[in-house]
């Protein structure tokens, strides 16, 4: 196998690490080259500039997005299913943290990244809307539940939790992921039952 894909991945991994640690504006080609242990000219040759690297990680992000819930087996138990979908959402967000961070930090200057972050929530929303419609049909949730509002509440709970975890270090604001699933998502799911 050639060294080209290896260097490509090394550079992108260094870039994503620096994006999370320092943000887009502070991440320079020289810092990326140093972190990846490559010559800056290699970066220019493979990606042209930071925008080229950003496009590459957005492409990866959007490709992975199509499979975000592929490993989630729905059981028909609202509590279990919402916890499992939330776990998949959190895992995806963590894996693509660099895109999310840049999307939030640079939302006005980099609308393409902001759009990529929005696609996560849109995908989650579509999955949840279909799920809640089916659960309503099966009488697993209250007939009076507003599916749109319920869907947005789950999205906000998950996105808010993710942003809190990646942005704050105060132990009064951070909760263990299992506590989040059990105390927040399960509690919310129980309120939906008939």
C-alpha atoms as a PDB file:
ATOM      1  CA  UNK A   1       0.000   0.000   0.000  1.00  0.00           C
ATOM      2  CA  UNK A   2       1.309   3.470  -0.805  1.00  0.00           C
ATOM      3  CA  UNK A   3       2.126   6.068   1.800  1.00  0.00           C
ATOM      4  CA  UNK A   4      -0.304   8.543   0.203  1.00  0.00           C
ATOM      5  CA  UNK A   5      -3.461   7.437   2.076  1.00  0.00           C
ATOM      6  CA  UNK A   6      -1.459   7.190   5.297  1.00  0.00           C
ATOM      7  CA  UNK A   7      -0.197  10.785   5.009  1.00  0.00           C
ATOM      8  CA  UNK A   8      -3.658  11.945   3.971  1.00  0.00           C
ATOM      9  CA  UNK A   9      -5.147  10.415   7.134  1.00  0.00           C
ATOM     10  CA  UNK A  10      -2.286  11.651   9.327  1.00  0.00           C
ATOM     11  CA  UNK A  11      -2.873  15.194   8.121  1.00  0.00           C
ATOM     12  CA  UNK A  12      -6.649  15.009   8.578  1.00  0.00           C
ATOM     13  CA  UNK A  13      -6.286  13.478  12.038  1.00  0.00           C
ATOM     14  CA  UNK A  14      -3.863  16.232  13.055  1.00  0.00           C
ATOM     15  CA  UNK A  15      -6.211  18.840  11.622  1.00  0.00           C
ATOM     16  CA  UNK A  16      -9.256  17.512  13.487  1.00  0.00           C
ATOM     17  CA  UNK A  17      -7.311  17.262  16.750  1.00  0.00           C
ATOM     18  CA  UNK A  18      -6.159  20.866  16.436  1.00  0.00           C
ATOM     19  CA  UNK A  19      -9.649  22.064  15.493  1.00  0.00           C
ATOM     20  CA  UNK A  20     -11.023  20.647  18.734  1.00  0.00           C
ATOM     21  CA  UNK A  21      -8.114  21.900  20.846  1.00  0.00           C
ATOM     22  CA  UNK A  22      -7.559  25.327  19.316  1.00  0.00           C
ATOM     23  CA  UNK A  23     -10.419  26.165  16.958  1.00  0.00           C
ATOM     24  CA  UNK A  24     -10.359  26.871  13.240  1.00  0.00           C
ATOM     25  CA  UNK A  25      -8.773  30.323  13.329  1.00  0.00           C
ATOM     26  CA  UNK A  26      -5.840  29.235  15.524  1.00  0.00           C
ATOM     27  CA  UNK A  27      -5.148  26.059  13.562  1.00  0.00           C
ATOM     28  CA  UNK A  28      -2.393  26.871  11.097  1.00  0.00           C
ATOM     29  CA  UNK A  29      -0.805  24.842   8.313  1.00  0.00           C
ATOM     30  CA  UNK A  30       2.477  24.868  10.244  1.00  0.00           C
ATOM     31  CA  UNK A  31       0.800  23.515  13.393  1.00  0.00           C
ATOM     32  CA  UNK A  32      -0.937  20.828  11.361  1.00  0.00           C
ATOM     33  CA  UNK A  33       2.343  19.870   9.660  1.00  0.00           C
ATOM     34  CA  UNK A  34       4.138  19.710  13.015  1.00  0.00           C
ATOM     35  CA  UNK A  35       1.381  17.608  14.604  1.00  0.00           C
ATOM     36  CA  UNK A  36       1.213  15.255  11.600  1.00  0.00           C
ATOM     37  CA  UNK A  37       4.993  15.175  11.305  1.00  0.00           C
ATOM     38  CA  UNK A  38       4.890  16.137   7.635  1.00  0.00           C
ATOM     39  CA  UNK A  39       6.276  18.984   5.601  1.00  0.00           C
ATOM     40  CA  UNK A  40       3.842  21.910   5.081  1.00  0.00           C
ATOM     41  CA  UNK A  41       4.302  21.487   1.335  1.00  0.00           C
ATOM     42  CA  UNK A  42       2.768  17.998   1.651  1.00  0.00           C
ATOM     43  CA  UNK A  43      -0.377  19.581   3.079  1.00  0.00           C
ATOM     44  CA  UNK A  44      -0.558  22.122   0.275  1.00  0.00           C
ATOM     45  CA  UNK A  45      -0.036  19.373  -2.294  1.00  0.00           C
ATOM     46  CA  UNK A  46      -2.767  17.120  -0.869  1.00  0.00           C
ATOM     47  CA  UNK A  47      -5.325  19.699   0.247  1.00  0.00           C
ATOM     48  CA  UNK A  48      -4.325  23.076  -1.144  1.00  0.00           C
ATOM     49  CA  UNK A  49      -5.255  24.899   2.091  1.00  0.00           C
ATOM     50  CA  UNK A  50      -7.255  24.657   5.342  1.00  0.00           C
ATOM     51  CA  UNK A  51     -10.479  24.906   3.363  1.00  0.00           C
ATOM     52  CA  UNK A  52      -9.487  21.772   1.464  1.00  0.00           C
ATOM     53  CA  UNK A  53      -8.940  19.898   4.718  1.00  0.00           C
ATOM     54  CA  UNK A  54     -12.197  21.229   6.122  1.00  0.00           C
ATOM     55  CA  UNK A  55     -14.034  20.022   3.011  1.00  0.00           C
ATOM     56  CA  UNK A  56     -12.469  16.574   3.432  1.00  0.00           C
ATOM     57  CA  UNK A  57     -13.625  16.204   7.034  1.00  0.00           C
ATOM     58  CA  UNK A  58     -17.088  17.498   6.136  1.00  0.00           C
ATOM     59  CA  UNK A  59     -17.275  14.904   3.351  1.00  0.00           C
ATOM     60  CA  UNK A  60     -16.356  12.157   5.835  1.00  0.00           C
ATOM     61  CA  UNK A  61     -18.885  13.518   8.289  1.00  0.00           C
ATOM     62  CA  UNK A  62     -21.724  13.549   5.759  1.00  0.00           C
ATOM     63  CA  UNK A  63     -20.852  10.035   4.535  1.00  0.00           C
ATOM     64  CA  UNK A  64     -20.919   8.710   8.111  1.00  0.00           C
ATOM     65  CA  UNK A  65     -24.176  10.542   8.788  1.00  0.00           C
ATOM     66  CA  UNK A  66     -26.011   8.205   6.436  1.00  0.00           C
ATOM     67  CA  UNK A  67     -25.206   5.329   8.801  1.00  0.00           C
ATOM     68  CA  UNK A  68     -25.687   7.036  12.184  1.00  0.00           C
ATOM     69  CA  UNK A  69     -28.535   4.775  13.325  1.00  0.00           C
ATOM     70  CA  UNK A  70     -27.664   1.626  11.372  1.00  0.00           C
ATOM     71  CA  UNK A  71     -26.491  -0.215  14.486  1.00  0.00           C
ATOM     72  CA  UNK A  72     -29.513   0.763  16.593  1.00  0.00           C
ATOM     73  CA  UNK A  73     -31.971  -2.091  17.002  1.00  0.00           C
ATOM     74  CA  UNK A  74     -35.375  -0.740  17.914  1.00  0.00           C
ATOM     75  CA  UNK A  75     -37.266  -2.853  20.436  1.00  0.00           C
ATOM     76  CA  UNK A  76     -40.584  -1.026  20.662  1.00  0.00           C
ATOM     77  CA  UNK A  77     -39.800  -0.109  24.266  1.00  0.00           C
ATOM     78  CA  UNK A  78     -39.741   3.700  24.193  1.00  0.00           C
ATOM     79  CA  UNK A  79     -37.281   4.071  27.072  1.00  0.00           C
ATOM     80  CA  UNK A  80     -34.780   1.573  25.669  1.00  0.00           C
ATOM     81  CA  UNK A  81     -35.113   2.858  22.120  1.00  0.00           C
ATOM     82  CA  UNK A  82     -34.637   6.527  23.020  1.00  0.00           C
ATOM     83  CA  UNK A  83     -31.613   5.676  25.140  1.00  0.00           C
ATOM     84  CA  UNK A  84     -30.098   3.632  22.285  1.00  0.00           C
ATOM     85  CA  UNK A  85     -30.790   6.362  19.718  1.00  0.00           C
ATOM     86  CA  UNK A  86     -29.301   8.939  22.106  1.00  0.00           C
ATOM     87  CA  UNK A  87     -26.179   6.810  22.549  1.00  0.00           C
ATOM     88  CA  UNK A  88     -25.769   6.571  18.756  1.00  0.00           C
ATOM     89  CA  UNK A  89     -26.267  10.339  18.438  1.00  0.00           C
ATOM     90  CA  UNK A  90     -23.688  11.078  21.167  1.00  0.00           C
ATOM     91  CA  UNK A  91     -21.200   8.612  19.676  1.00  0.00           C
ATOM     92  CA  UNK A  92     -21.557  10.233  16.256  1.00  0.00           C
ATOM     93  CA  UNK A  93     -21.201  13.745  17.695  1.00  0.00           C
ATOM     94  CA  UNK A  94     -18.081  12.714  19.602  1.00  0.00           C
ATOM     95  CA  UNK A  95     -16.517  11.121  16.522  1.00  0.00           C
ATOM     96  CA  UNK A  96     -17.245  14.250  14.484  1.00  0.00           C
ATOM     97  CA  UNK A  97     -16.574  16.733  17.258  1.00  0.00           C
ATOM     98  CA  UNK A  98     -14.276  18.847  15.068  1.00  0.00           C
ATOM     99  CA  UNK A  99     -17.070  19.523  12.563  1.00  0.00           C
ATOM    100  CA  UNK A 100     -19.499  20.368  15.358  1.00  0.00           C
ATOM    101  CA  UNK A 101     -17.032  22.691  17.105  1.00  0.00           C
ATOM    102  CA  UNK A 102     -16.138  24.536  13.903  1.00  0.00           C
ATOM    103  CA  UNK A 103     -19.798  24.629  12.892  1.00  0.00           C
ATOM    104  CA  UNK A 104     -20.714  26.362  16.132  1.00  0.00           C
ATOM    105  CA  UNK A 105     -17.648  28.616  16.375  1.00  0.00           C
ATOM    106  CA  UNK A 106     -17.575  29.631  12.730  1.00  0.00           C
ATOM    107  CA  UNK A 107     -21.282  29.454  11.851  1.00  0.00           C
ATOM    108  CA  UNK A 108     -21.342  32.902  10.236  1.00  0.00           C
ATOM    109  CA  UNK A 109     -18.021  32.617   8.397  1.00  0.00           C
ATOM    110  CA  UNK A 110     -18.353  28.956   7.394  1.00  0.00           C
ATOM    111  CA  UNK A 111     -21.991  28.267   6.485  1.00  0.00           C
ATOM    112  CA  UNK A 112     -21.036  24.965   4.824  1.00  0.00           C
ATOM    113  CA  UNK A 113     -19.798  23.644   8.171  1.00  0.00           C
ATOM    114  CA  UNK A 114     -22.833  24.995   9.973  1.00  0.00           C
ATOM    115  CA  UNK A 115     -24.991  23.194   7.414  1.00  0.00           C
ATOM    116  CA  UNK A 116     -23.099  19.925   8.042  1.00  0.00           C
ATOM    117  CA  UNK A 117     -23.830  20.241  11.779  1.00  0.00           C
ATOM    118  CA  UNK A 118     -27.497  20.943  11.053  1.00  0.00           C
ATOM    119  CA  UNK A 119     -27.648  17.752   8.998  1.00  0.00           C
ATOM    120  CA  UNK A 120     -26.953  15.709  12.155  1.00  0.00           C
ATOM    121  CA  UNK A 121     -29.988  17.140  13.889  1.00  0.00           C
ATOM    122  CA  UNK A 122     -32.122  16.874  10.740  1.00  0.00           C
ATOM    123  CA  UNK A 123     -31.228  13.190  10.390  1.00  0.00           C
ATOM    124  CA  UNK A 124     -32.004  12.594  14.070  1.00  0.00           C
ATOM    125  CA  UNK A 125     -35.265  14.509  13.691  1.00  0.00           C
ATOM    126  CA  UNK A 126     -36.413  12.441  10.710  1.00  0.00           C
ATOM    127  CA  UNK A 127     -35.612   9.212  12.549  1.00  0.00           C
ATOM    128  CA  UNK A 128     -37.427  10.351  15.678  1.00  0.00           C
ATOM    129  CA  UNK A 129     -40.498  11.624  13.821  1.00  0.00           C
ATOM    130  CA  UNK A 130     -40.913   8.257  12.108  1.00  0.00           C
ATOM    131  CA  UNK A 131     -40.283   6.408  15.357  1.00  0.00           C
ATOM    132  CA  UNK A 132     -42.798   8.444  17.385  1.00  0.00           C
ATOM    133  CA  UNK A 133     -45.443   8.151  14.667  1.00  0.00           C
ATOM    134  CA  UNK A 134     -45.045   4.371  14.769  1.00  0.00           C
ATOM    135  CA  UNK A 135     -45.096   4.294  18.592  1.00  0.00           C
ATOM    136  CA  UNK A 136     -48.270   6.385  18.582  1.00  0.00           C
ATOM    137  CA  UNK A 137     -49.869   3.995  16.090  1.00  0.00           C
ATOM    138  CA  UNK A 138     -48.910   1.073  18.366  1.00  0.00           C
ATOM    139  CA  UNK A 139     -50.273   2.943  21.429  1.00  0.00           C
ATOM    140  CA  UNK A 140     -46.845   2.900  23.085  1.00  0.00           C
ATOM    141  CA  UNK A 141     -46.983   6.661  23.721  1.00  0.00           C
ATOM    142  CA  UNK A 142     -49.868   8.924  24.717  1.00  0.00           C
ATOM    143  CA  UNK A 143     -52.298   9.879  21.965  1.00  0.00           C
ATOM    144  CA  UNK A 144     -52.013  13.524  23.071  1.00  0.00           C
ATOM    145  CA  UNK A 145     -48.245  13.688  22.516  1.00  0.00           C
ATOM    146  CA  UNK A 146     -47.184  16.377  20.062  1.00  0.00           C
ATOM    147  CA  UNK A 147     -44.685  14.375  18.000  1.00  0.00           C
ATOM    148  CA  UNK A 148     -42.899  17.435  16.599  1.00  0.00           C
ATOM    149  CA  UNK A 149     -42.398  18.997  20.053  1.00  0.00           C
ATOM    150  CA  UNK A 150     -41.344  15.675  21.569  1.00  0.00           C
ATOM    151  CA  UNK A 151     -38.817  15.134  18.785  1.00  0.00           C
ATOM    152  CA  UNK A 152     -37.307  18.584  19.242  1.00  0.00           C
ATOM    153  CA  UNK A 153     -37.072  18.073  23.018  1.00  0.00           C
ATOM    154  CA  UNK A 154     -35.039  14.894  22.542  1.00  0.00           C
ATOM    155  CA  UNK A 155     -32.784  16.658  20.030  1.00  0.00           C
ATOM    156  CA  UNK A 156     -32.271  19.624  22.381  1.00  0.00           C
ATOM    157  CA  UNK A 157     -31.555  17.339  25.329  1.00  0.00           C
ATOM    158  CA  UNK A 158     -28.927  15.476  23.324  1.00  0.00           C
ATOM    159  CA  UNK A 159     -27.327  18.454  21.600  1.00  0.00           C
ATOM    160  CA  UNK A 160     -27.310  20.456  24.843  1.00  0.00           C
ATOM    161  CA  UNK A 161     -25.681  17.586  26.705  1.00  0.00           C
ATOM    162  CA  UNK A 162     -23.031  17.171  24.004  1.00  0.00           C
ATOM    163  CA  UNK A 163     -22.202  20.886  23.931  1.00  0.00           C
ATOM    164  CA  UNK A 164     -22.001  21.005  27.728  1.00  0.00           C
ATOM    165  CA  UNK A 165     -19.592  18.067  27.820  1.00  0.00           C
ATOM    166  CA  UNK A 166     -17.241  19.470  25.176  1.00  0.00           C
ATOM    167  CA  UNK A 167     -17.262  23.087  26.361  1.00  0.00           C
ATOM    168  CA  UNK A 168     -17.359  23.045  30.167  1.00  0.00           C
ATOM    169  CA  UNK A 169     -15.126  21.526  32.832  1.00  0.00           C
ATOM    170  CA  UNK A 170     -17.211  22.460  35.864  1.00  0.00           C
ATOM    171  CA  UNK A 171     -18.295  19.239  37.626  1.00  0.00           C
ATOM    172  CA  UNK A 172     -21.542  20.954  38.634  1.00  0.00           C
ATOM    173  CA  UNK A 173     -22.507  21.123  34.946  1.00  0.00           C
ATOM    174  CA  UNK A 174     -21.203  17.764  33.759  1.00  0.00           C
ATOM    175  CA  UNK A 175     -22.900  14.465  34.358  1.00  0.00           C
ATOM    176  CA  UNK A 176     -21.692  10.991  33.514  1.00  0.00           C
ATOM    177  CA  UNK A 177     -23.056   9.725  30.163  1.00  0.00           C
ATOM    178  CA  UNK A 178     -24.865   6.831  31.858  1.00  0.00           C
ATOM    179  CA  UNK A 179     -26.502   9.290  34.265  1.00  0.00           C
ATOM    180  CA  UNK A 180     -27.572  11.373  31.283  1.00  0.00           C
ATOM    181  CA  UNK A 181     -29.173   8.373  29.593  1.00  0.00           C
ATOM    182  CA  UNK A 182     -30.783   7.023  32.752  1.00  0.00           C
ATOM    183  CA  UNK A 183     -31.815  10.241  34.479  1.00  0.00           C
ATOM    184  CA  UNK A 184     -32.585  12.511  31.545  1.00  0.00           C
ATOM    185  CA  UNK A 185     -33.520  10.387  28.545  1.00  0.00           C
ATOM    186  CA  UNK A 186     -35.269   7.602  30.500  1.00  0.00           C
ATOM    187  CA  UNK A 187     -37.131  10.165  32.626  1.00  0.00           C
ATOM    188  CA  UNK A 188     -38.287  11.958  29.494  1.00  0.00           C
ATOM    189  CA  UNK A 189     -39.268   8.671  27.803  1.00  0.00           C
ATOM    190  CA  UNK A 190     -41.346   7.601  30.813  1.00  0.00           C
ATOM    191  CA  UNK A 191     -43.404  10.783  30.514  1.00  0.00           C
ATOM    192  CA  UNK A 192     -44.486   9.686  27.022  1.00  0.00           C
ATOM    193  CA  UNK A 193     -46.073   6.418  28.086  1.00  0.00           C
ATOM    194  CA  UNK A 194     -49.867   6.116  28.161  1.00  0.00           C
END
